[in-house]
């Protein structure tokens, strides 16, 4: 995979994370869950093709899932500051 293509794929992952955070903020639960499902599909596509993109996608899924399960903080960026890897915070 060329560096340019890899960067575009990472930007696609970041876009899905941004959309997911927005959907959670606006209370669009079903669409938010669809975004997480999309990230899982993207991770599956990168599996055994690009470990970095696979791991990034799974880190995003894990962070969004953990955020969903906690009930004390409603803003993802506030929660992520203490609970998500830096590269996931940057994606949101």
Protein backbone atom coordinates (compact mmCIF):
# COMPACT_ATOMS: atom_id res chain seq x y z
CA UNK A 1 0.00 0.00 0.00
CA UNK A 2 1.43 3.36 -0.94
CA UNK A 3 1.86 5.98 1.79
CA UNK A 4 -0.69 8.19 0.03
CA UNK A 5 -3.31 5.42 -0.05
CA UNK A 6 -2.61 4.56 3.59
CA UNK A 7 -3.12 8.21 4.56
CA UNK A 8 -6.43 8.34 2.68
CA UNK A 9 -7.59 5.17 4.45
CA UNK A 10 -6.62 6.62 7.83
CA UNK A 11 -8.53 9.80 6.98
CA UNK A 12 -11.55 7.64 6.13
CA UNK A 13 -11.33 6.02 9.55
CA UNK A 14 -11.05 9.42 11.19
CA UNK A 15 -14.12 10.62 9.30
CA UNK A 16 -16.17 7.69 10.56
CA UNK A 17 -15.03 8.41 14.13
CA UNK A 18 -15.99 12.08 13.74
CA UNK A 19 -19.42 11.11 12.42
CA UNK A 20 -19.90 8.61 15.26
CA UNK A 21 -19.06 11.22 17.89
CA UNK A 22 -21.46 13.68 16.27
CA UNK A 23 -24.22 11.07 16.11
CA UNK A 24 -23.74 10.20 19.77
CA UNK A 25 -23.85 13.88 20.71
CA UNK A 26 -27.10 14.41 18.81
CA UNK A 27 -28.68 11.27 20.26
CA UNK A 28 -28.90 9.35 17.00
CA UNK A 29 -28.24 6.00 18.67
CA UNK A 30 -28.94 3.64 15.76
CA UNK A 31 -26.75 5.61 13.37
CA UNK A 32 -24.04 5.82 16.04
CA UNK A 33 -24.08 2.02 16.35
CA UNK A 34 -23.97 1.76 12.55
CA UNK A 35 -20.79 3.86 12.60
CA UNK A 36 -19.17 1.45 15.03
CA UNK A 37 -20.24 -1.43 12.81
CA UNK A 38 -18.69 0.36 9.83
CA UNK A 39 -15.42 0.74 11.74
CA UNK A 40 -15.47 -3.00 12.47
CA UNK A 41 -15.94 -3.69 8.76
CA UNK A 42 -13.07 -1.39 7.90
CA UNK A 43 -10.88 -3.12 10.49
CA UNK A 44 -11.76 -6.47 8.96
CA UNK A 45 -10.77 -5.16 5.53
CA UNK A 46 -7.37 -4.07 6.87
CA UNK A 47 -6.73 -7.31 8.76
CA UNK A 48 -3.59 -9.00 7.38
CA UNK A 49 -3.26 -6.14 4.85
CA UNK A 50 -2.08 -3.28 7.06
CA UNK A 51 -1.50 -3.89 10.76
CA UNK A 52 -1.31 -0.18 11.56
CA UNK A 53 -4.70 0.61 10.02
CA UNK A 54 -6.23 -2.52 11.54
CA UNK A 55 -4.98 -1.59 15.01
CA UNK A 56 -6.08 2.02 14.60
CA UNK A 57 -9.58 0.95 13.56
CA UNK A 58 -9.84 -1.48 16.48
CA UNK A 59 -8.55 1.17 18.92
CA UNK A 60 -11.31 3.47 17.69
CA UNK A 61 -13.96 0.76 18.08
CA UNK A 62 -12.73 -0.05 21.57
CA UNK A 63 -12.67 3.60 22.65
CA UNK A 64 -16.14 4.31 21.29
CA UNK A 65 -17.50 1.13 22.87
CA UNK A 66 -15.98 1.92 26.27
CA UNK A 67 -17.31 5.47 26.03
CA UNK A 68 -20.78 4.11 25.29
CA UNK A 69 -20.73 1.85 28.35
CA UNK A 70 -19.71 4.52 30.85
CA UNK A 71 -22.41 6.84 32.15
CA UNK A 72 -20.61 9.70 33.88
CA UNK A 73 -19.37 11.81 30.95
CA UNK A 74 -21.51 12.69 27.93
CA UNK A 75 -18.83 14.42 25.82
CA UNK A 76 -16.50 12.03 24.01
CA UNK A 77 -13.55 14.43 23.82
CA UNK A 78 -13.72 15.09 27.57
CA UNK A 79 -13.89 11.37 28.30
CA UNK A 80 -11.20 10.52 25.74
CA UNK A 81 -8.70 12.93 27.30
CA UNK A 82 -8.22 10.43 30.14
CA UNK A 83 -9.34 7.13 28.65
CA UNK A 84 -8.45 6.85 24.95
CA UNK A 85 -5.11 6.55 23.17
CA UNK A 86 -3.75 9.80 21.77
CA UNK A 87 -4.22 8.73 18.15
CA UNK A 88 -7.91 8.05 18.83
CA UNK A 89 -8.35 11.44 20.51
CA UNK A 90 -6.78 13.03 17.45
CA UNK A 91 -9.27 11.22 15.22
CA UNK A 92 -12.23 12.74 17.01
